[in-house]
C-alpha atoms as a PDB file:
ATOM      1  CA  MET A   1     -93.441 -52.463  44.217  1.00  0.00           C
ATOM      2  CA  VAL A   2     -90.890 -52.806  47.043  1.00  0.00           C
ATOM      3  CA  ILE A   3     -88.464 -55.735  47.412  1.00  0.00           C
ATOM      4  CA  LEU A   4     -86.074 -56.064  50.365  1.00  0.00           C
ATOM      5  CA  ARG A   5     -83.295 -58.658  50.494  1.00  0.00           C
ATOM      6  CA  GLY A   6     -80.348 -59.697  52.712  1.00  0.00           C
ATOM      7  CA  LYS A   7     -79.271 -58.886  56.197  1.00  0.00           C
ATOM      8  CA  GLY A   8     -76.659 -56.202  56.293  1.00  0.00           C
ATOM      9  CA  LEU A   9     -76.820 -54.707  52.785  1.00  0.00           C
ATOM     10  CA  LYS A  10     -80.371 -54.444  51.699  1.00  0.00           C
ATOM     11  CA  GLN A  11     -81.714 -53.760  48.271  1.00  0.00           C
ATOM     12  CA  MET A  12     -85.058 -52.107  47.739  1.00  0.00           C
ATOM     13  CA  ILE A  13     -86.708 -51.959  44.371  1.00  0.00           C
ATOM     14  CA  ILE A  14     -89.410 -49.390  43.962  1.00  0.00           C
ATOM     15  CA  SER A  15     -91.365 -49.442  40.733  1.00  0.00           C
ATOM     16  CA  LEU A  16     -92.954 -46.147  39.840  1.00  0.00           C
ATOM     17  CA  PRO A  17     -95.648 -46.050  37.168  1.00  0.00           C
ATOM     18  CA  ARG A  18     -95.693 -43.413  34.443  1.00  0.00           C
ATOM     19  CA  SER A  19     -97.948 -42.770  31.497  1.00  0.00           C
ATOM     20  CA  GLY A  20     -97.896 -45.490  28.884  1.00  0.00           C
ATOM     21  CA  ASP A  21     -96.572 -48.954  29.225  1.00  0.00           C
ATOM     22  CA  LYS A  22     -93.123 -48.093  30.522  1.00  0.00           C
ATOM     23  CA  VAL A  23     -92.091 -48.766  34.056  1.00  0.00           C
ATOM     24  CA  TYR A  24     -89.259 -46.881  35.694  1.00  0.00           C
ATOM     25  CA  THR A  25     -87.331 -48.654  38.358  1.00  0.00           C
ATOM     26  CA  LEU A  26     -85.595 -46.785  41.212  1.00  0.00           C
ATOM     27  CA  TRP A  27     -82.862 -48.829  42.775  1.00  0.00           C
ATOM     28  CA  ILE A  28     -82.107 -47.796  46.303  1.00  0.00           C
ATOM     29  CA  PHE A  29     -79.364 -49.448  48.275  1.00  0.00           C
ATOM     30  CA  ILE A  30     -79.477 -48.798  51.961  1.00  0.00           C
ATOM     31  CA  VAL A  31     -77.522 -50.132  54.858  1.00  0.00           C
ATOM     32  CA  ILE A  32     -79.755 -51.402  57.617  1.00  0.00           C
ATOM     33  CA  PRO A  33     -77.922 -51.207  60.892  1.00  0.00           C
ATOM     34  CA  ARG A  34     -77.828 -54.323  63.080  1.00  0.00           C
ATOM     35  CA  MET A  35     -79.576 -52.485  65.839  1.00  0.00           C
ATOM     36  CA  GLY A  36     -82.658 -53.172  63.701  1.00  0.00           C
ATOM     37  CA  TYR A  37     -85.939 -51.650  62.716  1.00  0.00           C
ATOM     38  CA  SER A  38     -88.994 -53.610  61.689  1.00  0.00           C
ATOM     39  CA  ILE A  39     -89.400 -54.407  58.031  1.00  0.00           C
ATOM     40  CA  ALA A  40     -92.704 -52.606  57.928  1.00  0.00           C
ATOM     41  CA  THR A  41     -91.150 -49.468  59.362  1.00  0.00           C
ATOM     42  CA  LEU A  42     -88.332 -49.495  56.804  1.00  0.00           C
ATOM     43  CA  ALA A  43     -90.709 -50.169  53.947  1.00  0.00           C
ATOM     44  CA  THR A  44     -92.839 -47.258  54.982  1.00  0.00           C
ATOM     45  CA  LEU A  45     -89.738 -45.028  55.256  1.00  0.00           C
ATOM     46  CA  MET A  46     -88.533 -46.008  51.793  1.00  0.00           C
ATOM     47  CA  LEU A  47     -91.908 -45.384  50.320  1.00  0.00           C
ATOM     48  CA  VAL A  48     -91.949 -41.893  51.802  1.00  0.00           C
ATOM     49  CA  VAL A  49     -88.437 -41.222  50.477  1.00  0.00           C
ATOM     50  CA  GLY A  50     -89.486 -42.424  47.034  1.00  0.00           C
ATOM     51  CA  LEU A  51     -92.499 -40.212  47.035  1.00  0.00           C
ATOM     52  CA  MET A  52     -90.330 -37.269  48.109  1.00  0.00           C
ATOM     53  CA  VAL A  53     -87.952 -37.947  45.241  1.00  0.00           C
ATOM     54  CA  VAL A  54     -90.770 -38.098  42.761  1.00  0.00           C
ATOM     55  CA  GLY A  55     -92.337 -34.997  44.275  1.00  0.00           C
ATOM     56  CA  ALA A  56     -89.053 -33.138  44.057  1.00  0.00           C
ATOM     57  CA  GLY A  57     -89.068 -33.664  40.309  1.00  0.00           C
ATOM     58  CA  LEU A  58     -86.352 -36.309  40.098  1.00  0.00           C
ATOM     59  CA  THR A  59     -85.280 -36.722  36.518  1.00  0.00           C
ATOM     60  CA  LEU A  60     -85.009 -40.361  35.541  1.00  0.00           C
ATOM     61  CA  THR A  61     -82.941 -41.401  32.596  1.00  0.00           C
ATOM     62  CA  GLU A  62     -84.335 -43.750  30.023  1.00  0.00           C
ATOM     63  CA  THR A  63     -81.784 -45.736  28.124  1.00  0.00           C
ATOM     64  CA  VAL A  64     -82.896 -47.297  24.849  1.00  0.00           C
ATOM     65  CA  THR A  65     -80.507 -49.277  22.690  1.00  0.00           C
ATOM     66  CA  ILE A  66     -81.584 -50.002  19.113  1.00  0.00           C
ATOM     67  CA  THR A  67     -79.510 -52.308  16.962  1.00  0.00           C
ATOM     68  CA  LYS A  68     -80.205 -52.431  13.215  1.00  0.00           C
ATOM     69  CA  THR A  69     -78.527 -54.884  10.905  1.00  0.00           C
ATOM     70  CA  ARG A  70     -78.399 -54.123   7.163  1.00  0.00           C
ATOM     71  CA  PRO A  71     -76.515 -56.463   4.959  1.00  0.00           C
ATOM     72  CA  THR A  72     -74.242 -54.677   2.530  1.00  0.00           C
ATOM     73  CA  THR A  73     -72.868 -56.228  -0.566  1.00  0.00           C
ATOM     74  CA  PRO A  74     -70.248 -54.285  -2.471  1.00  0.00           C
ATOM     75  CA  ILE A  75     -71.328 -53.708  -6.015  1.00  0.00           C
ATOM     76  CA  CYS A  76     -67.885 -53.108  -7.462  1.00  0.00           C
ATOM     77  CA  THR A  77     -64.417 -52.174  -6.430  1.00  0.00           C
ATOM     78  CA  THR A  78     -62.556 -49.527  -8.435  1.00  0.00           C
ATOM     79  CA  THR A  79     -58.917 -48.901  -8.058  1.00  0.00           C
ATOM     80  CA  VAL A  80     -57.906 -45.404  -9.215  1.00  0.00           C
ATOM     81  CA  THR A  81     -54.294 -44.657  -9.805  1.00  0.00           C
ATOM     82  CA  THR A  82     -53.545 -40.938  -9.939  1.00  0.00           C
ATOM     83  CA  THR A  83     -50.271 -39.612 -11.219  1.00  0.00           C
ATOM     84  CA  ILE A  84     -49.395 -36.148  -9.920  1.00  0.00           C
ATOM     85  CA  THR A  85     -46.780 -34.194 -11.759  1.00  0.00           C
ATOM     86  CA  LYS A  86     -45.205 -31.324  -9.860  1.00  0.00           C
ATOM     87  CA  THR A  87     -43.008 -28.727 -11.488  1.00  0.00           C
ATOM     88  CA  LEU A  88     -40.546 -27.222  -9.089  1.00  0.00           C
ATOM     89  CA  THR A  89     -38.733 -24.008  -9.897  1.00  0.00           C
ATOM     90  CA  LYS A  90     -35.514 -23.662  -7.938  1.00  0.00           C
ATOM     91  CA  THR A  91     -33.832 -20.306  -7.732  1.00  0.00           C
ATOM     92  CA  VAL A  92     -30.206 -20.344  -6.653  1.00  0.00           C
ATOM     93  CA  ILE A  93     -28.612 -17.102  -5.483  1.00  0.00           C
ATOM     94  CA  LYS A  94     -24.861 -17.300  -5.266  1.00  0.00           C
ATOM     95  CA  ILE A  95     -23.067 -14.694  -3.206  1.00  0.00           C
ATOM     96  CA  SER A  96     -19.389 -14.380  -3.875  1.00  0.00           C
ATOM     97  CA  PRO A  97     -16.992 -12.070  -2.042  1.00  0.00           C
ATOM     98  CA  ILE A  98     -15.971  -9.127  -4.216  1.00  0.00           C
ATOM     99  CA  THR A  99     -13.154  -6.713  -3.367  1.00  0.00           C
ATOM    100  CA  LEU A 100     -13.784  -3.192  -4.595  1.00  0.00           C
ATOM    101  CA  THR A 101     -11.040  -0.585  -4.759  1.00  0.00           C
ATOM    102  CA  LEU A 102     -12.423   2.929  -4.797  1.00  0.00           C
ATOM    103  CA  THR A 103     -10.248   5.839  -5.807  1.00  0.00           C
ATOM    104  CA  SER A 104     -11.624   9.266  -5.097  1.00  0.00           C
ATOM    105  CA  THR A 105     -10.205  12.668  -5.816  1.00  0.00           C
ATOM    106  CA  VAL A 106     -11.165  15.369  -3.374  1.00  0.00           C
ATOM    107  CA  THR A 107     -10.583  18.978  -4.257  1.00  0.00           C
ATOM    108  CA  GLN A 108     -10.698  21.173  -1.207  1.00  0.00           C
ATOM    109  CA  THR A 109     -10.547  24.913  -1.248  1.00  0.00           C
ATOM    110  CA  VAL A 110      -9.344  26.349   1.991  1.00  0.00           C
ATOM    111  CA  THR A 111      -9.674  30.016   2.710  1.00  0.00           C
ATOM    112  CA  SER A 112      -7.619  31.078   5.653  1.00  0.00           C
ATOM    113  CA  TYR A 113      -7.618  34.353   7.424  1.00  0.00           C
ATOM    114  CA  THR A 114      -4.624  35.434   9.412  1.00  0.00           C
ATOM    115  CA  THR A 115      -4.997  38.113  11.973  1.00  0.00           C
ATOM    116  CA  VAL A 116      -1.732  39.809  12.715  1.00  0.00           C
ATOM    117  CA  MET A 117      -1.589  41.604  15.987  1.00  0.00           C
ATOM    118  CA  GLU A 118       1.353  43.711  16.869  1.00  0.00           C
ATOM    119  CA  THR A 119       2.324  43.760  20.480  1.00  0.00           C
ATOM    120  CA  THR A 120       4.357  46.781  21.362  1.00  0.00           C
ATOM    121  CA  THR A 121       5.773  48.144  24.516  1.00  0.00           C
ATOM    122  CA  GLN A 122       3.536  50.689  26.098  1.00  0.00           C
ATOM    123  CA  LYS A 123       4.299  54.156  24.820  1.00  0.00           C
ATOM    124  CA  GLU A 124       5.589  56.195  27.699  1.00  0.00           C
ATOM    125  CA  VAL A 125       6.549  59.830  27.867  1.00  0.00           C
ATOM    126  CA  GLU A 126       9.645  60.109  30.022  1.00  0.00           C
ATOM    127  CA  TYR A 127      10.012  63.861  30.127  1.00  0.00           C
ATOM    128  CA  VAL A 128       8.268  67.029  29.023  1.00  0.00           C
ATOM    129  CA  CYS A 129      10.360  70.157  29.066  1.00  0.00           C
ATOM    130  CA  PHE A 130       9.438  73.810  28.395  1.00  0.00           C
ATOM    131  CA  SER A 131      12.440  75.966  27.672  1.00  0.00           C
ATOM    132  CA  LYS A 132      11.544  79.095  29.685  1.00  0.00           C
ATOM    133  CA  PRO A 133      11.147  77.561  33.129  1.00  0.00           C
ATOM    134  CA  ASP A 134      13.336  74.462  32.515  1.00  0.00           C
ATOM    135  CA  ASN A 135      16.792  73.658  31.210  1.00  0.00           C
ATOM    136  CA  CYS A 136      16.020  71.379  28.249  1.00  0.00           C
ATOM    137  CA  SER A 137      19.651  71.084  27.076  1.00  0.00           C
ATOM    138  CA  SER A 138      20.603  69.217  30.271  1.00  0.00           C
ATOM    139  CA  ILE A 139      18.069  66.500  29.473  1.00  0.00           C
ATOM    140  CA  ILE A 140      19.514  66.053  25.964  1.00  0.00           C
ATOM    141  CA  ILE A 141      23.071  65.867  27.288  1.00  0.00           C
ATOM    142  CA  ARG A 142      22.168  63.244  29.906  1.00  0.00           C
ATOM    143  CA  LEU A 143      20.544  61.008  27.253  1.00  0.00           C
ATOM    144  CA  ILE A 144      23.556  61.277  24.912  1.00  0.00           C
ATOM    145  CA  ASP A 145      25.925  60.356  27.739  1.00  0.00           C
ATOM    146  CA  SER A 146      23.817  57.255  28.477  1.00  0.00           C
ATOM    147  CA  ALA A 147      23.887  55.992  24.863  1.00  0.00           C
ATOM    148  CA  GLU A 148      25.469  52.554  24.355  1.00  0.00           C
ATOM    149  CA  ARG A 149      25.038  51.804  20.640  1.00  0.00           C
ATOM    150  CA  TYR A 150      24.081  54.829  18.558  1.00  0.00           C
ATOM    151  CA  VAL A 151      22.790  58.407  18.511  1.00  0.00           C
ATOM    152  CA  TYR A 152      21.098  59.763  15.367  1.00  0.00           C
ATOM    153  CA  VAL A 153      20.278  63.479  15.154  1.00  0.00           C
ATOM    154  CA  ALA A 154      18.248  65.532  12.651  1.00  0.00           C
ATOM    155  CA  ILE A 155      18.324  69.195  13.694  1.00  0.00           C
ATOM    156  CA  TYR A 156      17.476  72.477  11.992  1.00  0.00           C
ATOM    157  CA  SER A 157      19.681  74.850  14.058  1.00  0.00           C
ATOM    158  CA  PHE A 158      22.592  73.638  16.195  1.00  0.00           C
ATOM    159  CA  THR A 159      24.680  76.201  18.119  1.00  0.00           C
ATOM    160  CA  LEU A 160      24.876  74.893  21.707  1.00  0.00           C
ATOM    161  CA  ASP A 161      28.460  73.881  22.582  1.00  0.00           C
ATOM    162  CA  ASN A 162      27.514  71.717  25.602  1.00  0.00           C
ATOM    163  CA  ILE A 163      25.390  69.384  23.403  1.00  0.00           C
ATOM    164  CA  GLY A 164      28.188  69.334  20.785  1.00  0.00           C
ATOM    165  CA  ASP A 165      30.637  68.259  23.528  1.00  0.00           C
ATOM    166  CA  ALA A 166      28.311  65.372  24.535  1.00  0.00           C
ATOM    167  CA  LEU A 167      28.179  64.076  20.937  1.00  0.00           C
ATOM    168  CA  ILE A 168      31.976  64.180  20.632  1.00  0.00           C
ATOM    169  CA  ARG A 169      32.304  62.209  23.898  1.00  0.00           C
ATOM    170  CA  ALA A 170      29.886  59.582  22.648  1.00  0.00           C
ATOM    171  CA  LYS A 171      31.808  59.206  19.379  1.00  0.00           C
ATOM    172  CA  ASN A 172      35.098  58.863  21.271  1.00  0.00           C
ATOM    173  CA  ARG A 173      33.780  55.984  23.424  1.00  0.00           C
ATOM    174  CA  GLY A 174      32.669  54.064  20.331  1.00  0.00           C
ATOM    175  CA  VAL A 175      29.022  55.073  19.964  1.00  0.00           C
ATOM    176  CA  ASP A 176      27.829  55.454  16.365  1.00  0.00           C
ATOM    177  CA  VAL A 177      26.987  59.161  16.029  1.00  0.00           C
ATOM    178  CA  LYS A 178      25.330  60.599  12.917  1.00  0.00           C
ATOM    179  CA  VAL A 179      24.065  64.152  12.538  1.00  0.00           C
ATOM    180  CA  VAL A 180      22.116  65.877   9.719  1.00  0.00           C
ATOM    181  CA  ILE A 181      21.933  69.711   9.855  1.00  0.00           C
ATOM    182  CA  GLU A 182      19.890  72.067   7.707  1.00  0.00           C
ATOM    183  CA  LYS A 183      22.416  73.374   5.162  1.00  0.00           C
ATOM    184  CA  ASP A 184      21.135  76.968   5.419  1.00  0.00           C
ATOM    185  CA  GLN A 185      22.025  76.927   9.139  1.00  0.00           C
ATOM    186  CA  ALA A 186      25.436  75.270   8.809  1.00  0.00           C
ATOM    187  CA  GLY A 187      27.298  78.503   8.085  1.00  0.00           C
ATOM    188  CA  ILE A 188      25.749  80.796  10.671  1.00  0.00           C
ATOM    189  CA  GLN A 189      27.758  82.207  13.567  1.00  0.00           C
ATOM    190  CA  GLY A 190      28.254  79.678  16.345  1.00  0.00           C
ATOM    191  CA  SER A 191      27.180  76.633  14.262  1.00  0.00           C
ATOM    192  CA  GLU A 192      28.469  73.275  15.538  1.00  0.00           C
ATOM    193  CA  TYR A 193      28.791  71.848  12.019  1.00  0.00           C
ATOM    194  CA  GLU A 194      32.527  72.581  11.483  1.00  0.00           C
ATOM    195  CA  ARG A 195      33.396  71.638  15.047  1.00  0.00           C
ATOM    196  CA  LEU A 196      31.727  68.215  14.824  1.00  0.00           C
ATOM    197  CA  LEU A 197      33.244  67.604  11.405  1.00  0.00           C
ATOM    198  CA  ASN A 198      36.732  68.399  12.700  1.00  0.00           C
ATOM    199  CA  ALA A 199      36.205  66.094  15.719  1.00  0.00           C
ATOM    200  CA  GLY A 200      35.545  63.140  13.400  1.00  0.00           C
ATOM    201  CA  VAL A 201      31.775  62.971  13.949  1.00  0.00           C
ATOM    202  CA  ASP A 202      29.839  61.731  10.927  1.00  0.00           C
ATOM    203  CA  VAL A 203      27.891  64.920  10.081  1.00  0.00           C
ATOM    204  CA  ARG A 204      26.062  65.852   6.870  1.00  0.00           C
ATOM    205  CA  LEU A 205      24.033  68.711   5.376  1.00  0.00           C
ATOM    206  CA  ASP A 206      20.513  67.898   4.246  1.00  0.00           C
ATOM    207  CA  GLY A 207      19.668  67.438   0.554  1.00  0.00           C
ATOM    208  CA  ASN A 208      16.218  69.039   0.612  1.00  0.00           C
ATOM    209  CA  PRO A 209      16.225  72.158  -1.654  1.00  0.00           C
ATOM    210  CA  TYR A 210      13.855  73.761   0.826  1.00  0.00           C
ATOM    211  CA  LEU A 211      14.098  73.298   4.581  1.00  0.00           C
ATOM    212  CA  MET A 212      14.842  70.292   6.754  1.00  0.00           C
ATOM    213  CA  HIS A 213      12.965  71.576   9.779  1.00  0.00           C
ATOM    214  CA  HIS A 214      13.221  68.476  11.986  1.00  0.00           C
ATOM    215  CA  LYS A 215      14.331  68.649  15.607  1.00  0.00           C
ATOM    216  CA  PHE A 216      14.680  65.056  16.883  1.00  0.00           C
ATOM    217  CA  MET A 217      17.198  62.576  18.243  1.00  0.00           C
ATOM    218  CA  ILE A 218      17.083  58.733  18.481  1.00  0.00           C
ATOM    219  CA  VAL A 219      19.075  56.887  21.178  1.00  0.00           C
ATOM    220  CA  ASP A 220      19.712  53.104  20.974  1.00  0.00           C
ATOM    221  CA  GLY A 221      16.462  52.402  19.083  1.00  0.00           C
ATOM    222  CA  LYS A 222      14.241  53.006  22.085  1.00  0.00           C
ATOM    223  CA  ILE A 223      14.359  56.704  23.053  1.00  0.00           C
ATOM    224  CA  VAL A 224      13.046  59.579  20.953  1.00  0.00           C
ATOM    225  CA  VAL A 225      13.613  63.258  21.767  1.00  0.00           C
ATOM    226  CA  THR A 226      11.440  65.646  19.743  1.00  0.00           C
ATOM    227  CA  GLY A 227       9.532  68.944  19.884  1.00  0.00           C
ATOM    228  CA  SER A 228       9.854  72.538  18.742  1.00  0.00           C
ATOM    229  CA  TYR A 229      13.123  72.950  20.662  1.00  0.00           C
ATOM    230  CA  ASN A 230      16.148  73.833  18.420  1.00  0.00           C
ATOM    231  CA  TRP A 231      19.610  73.154  19.827  1.00  0.00           C
ATOM    232  CA  SER A 232      20.377  76.842  19.972  1.00  0.00           C
ATOM    233  CA  TYR A 233      20.893  79.643  22.430  1.00  0.00           C
ATOM    234  CA  SER A 234      17.676  81.367  21.314  1.00  0.00           C
ATOM    235  CA  ALA A 235      15.601  78.224  21.913  1.00  0.00           C
ATOM    236  CA  GLU A 236      17.044  77.738  25.395  1.00  0.00           C
ATOM    237  CA  GLU A 237      17.144  81.354  26.580  1.00  0.00           C
ATOM    238  CA  ARG A 238      14.692  83.422  24.507  1.00  0.00           C
ATOM    239  CA  ASN A 239      11.952  81.486  22.782  1.00  0.00           C
ATOM    240  CA  ASP A 240       8.986  79.531  24.130  1.00  0.00           C
ATOM    241  CA  GLU A 241       9.850  75.956  23.102  1.00  0.00           C
ATOM    242  CA  ASN A 242       8.888  72.421  24.139  1.00  0.00           C
ATOM    243  CA  LEU A 243      10.778  69.159  24.339  1.00  0.00           C
ATOM    244  CA  VAL A 244       9.265  65.689  24.772  1.00  0.00           C
ATOM    245  CA  VAL A 245      11.191  62.498  25.595  1.00  0.00           C
ATOM    246  CA  ILE A 246       9.415  59.264  24.536  1.00  0.00           C
ATOM    247  CA  LEU A 247      10.486  55.790  25.617  1.00  0.00           C
ATOM    248  CA  SER A 248       9.078  53.495  22.900  1.00  0.00           C
ATOM    249  CA  PRO A 249      10.898  51.134  20.503  1.00  0.00           C
ATOM    250  CA  SER A 250       8.000  51.246  18.023  1.00  0.00           C
ATOM    251  CA  ILE A 251       8.015  55.048  17.915  1.00  0.00           C
ATOM    252  CA  ALA A 252      11.809  55.005  17.694  1.00  0.00           C
ATOM    253  CA  ARG A 253      11.596  52.781  14.585  1.00  0.00           C
ATOM    254  CA  LEU A 254       9.338  55.307  12.853  1.00  0.00           C
ATOM    255  CA  TYR A 255      11.706  58.156  13.564  1.00  0.00           C
ATOM    256  CA  GLU A 256      14.678  56.024  12.535  1.00  0.00           C
ATOM    257  CA  ASP A 257      13.077  55.318   9.148  1.00  0.00           C
ATOM    258  CA  GLU A 258      12.661  59.044   8.598  1.00  0.00           C
ATOM    259  CA  PHE A 259      16.259  59.697   9.667  1.00  0.00           C
ATOM    260  CA  ASN A 260      17.598  57.100   7.211  1.00  0.00           C
ATOM    261  CA  ARG A 261      15.580  58.718   4.396  1.00  0.00           C
ATOM    262  CA  ILE A 262      17.062  62.162   4.920  1.00  0.00           C
ATOM    263  CA  TRP A 263      20.514  60.726   5.725  1.00  0.00           C
ATOM    264  CA  HIS A 264      20.749  59.137   2.256  1.00  0.00           C
ATOM    265  CA  GLN A 265      19.718  62.446   0.645  1.00  0.00           C
ATOM    266  CA  ALA A 266      22.241  64.441   2.663  1.00  0.00           C
ATOM    267  CA  SER A 267      25.864  65.104   1.736  1.00  0.00           C
END
């Protein structure tokens, strides 16, 4: 069925039959322009469009509203009062400031190691003298004449007058002069013992019951004169002897300790 109404806005109702007694209605609103087509032409066009829609498998929606009324009568009304008891456990933690005084005793064992290093002046040999080719007595005399504080001598045989003269000069200018001579050599011919003693030089004879065979001299705590050389004519003119002059305060201390030992034994 097709129904067309109005002038400008037209309404077409197309009823499409389906199986059963139900009729589905397709409402199509179209605007017919004023330029105008015949009603028959438009009806034919709408019919074709409707058939195309149906042929395309247009899904139509069926709306069915069912209203059912059932009277309800309340049978009874029950009021239920429920009492709920809750037990609450409350834990309270109280934090209070606390001042703690801690006293500790610490026992510490300290092991210390001390390394002692001795720094000494480099040991230096000033002179080496051999009696045959050289004049060793001149070296001894020059060192005695240069002394400023003291001259200590430990000698086995002492007969050279020129060295004796140098010791007397040193004593006279205020130098501390001490001499220890082997007692067995003090009384021989040409010994300087009596001469030094008479000149006021502090001279002693050794206290060793055997021999005091040293031949050394210490000058001002820094020079040591030592060797096989006796202060005698034979050592200078006949024998093969050696004399070494060492400039070393540390070596001088060692020789000075030895001199003090024999000096306290001498008389």
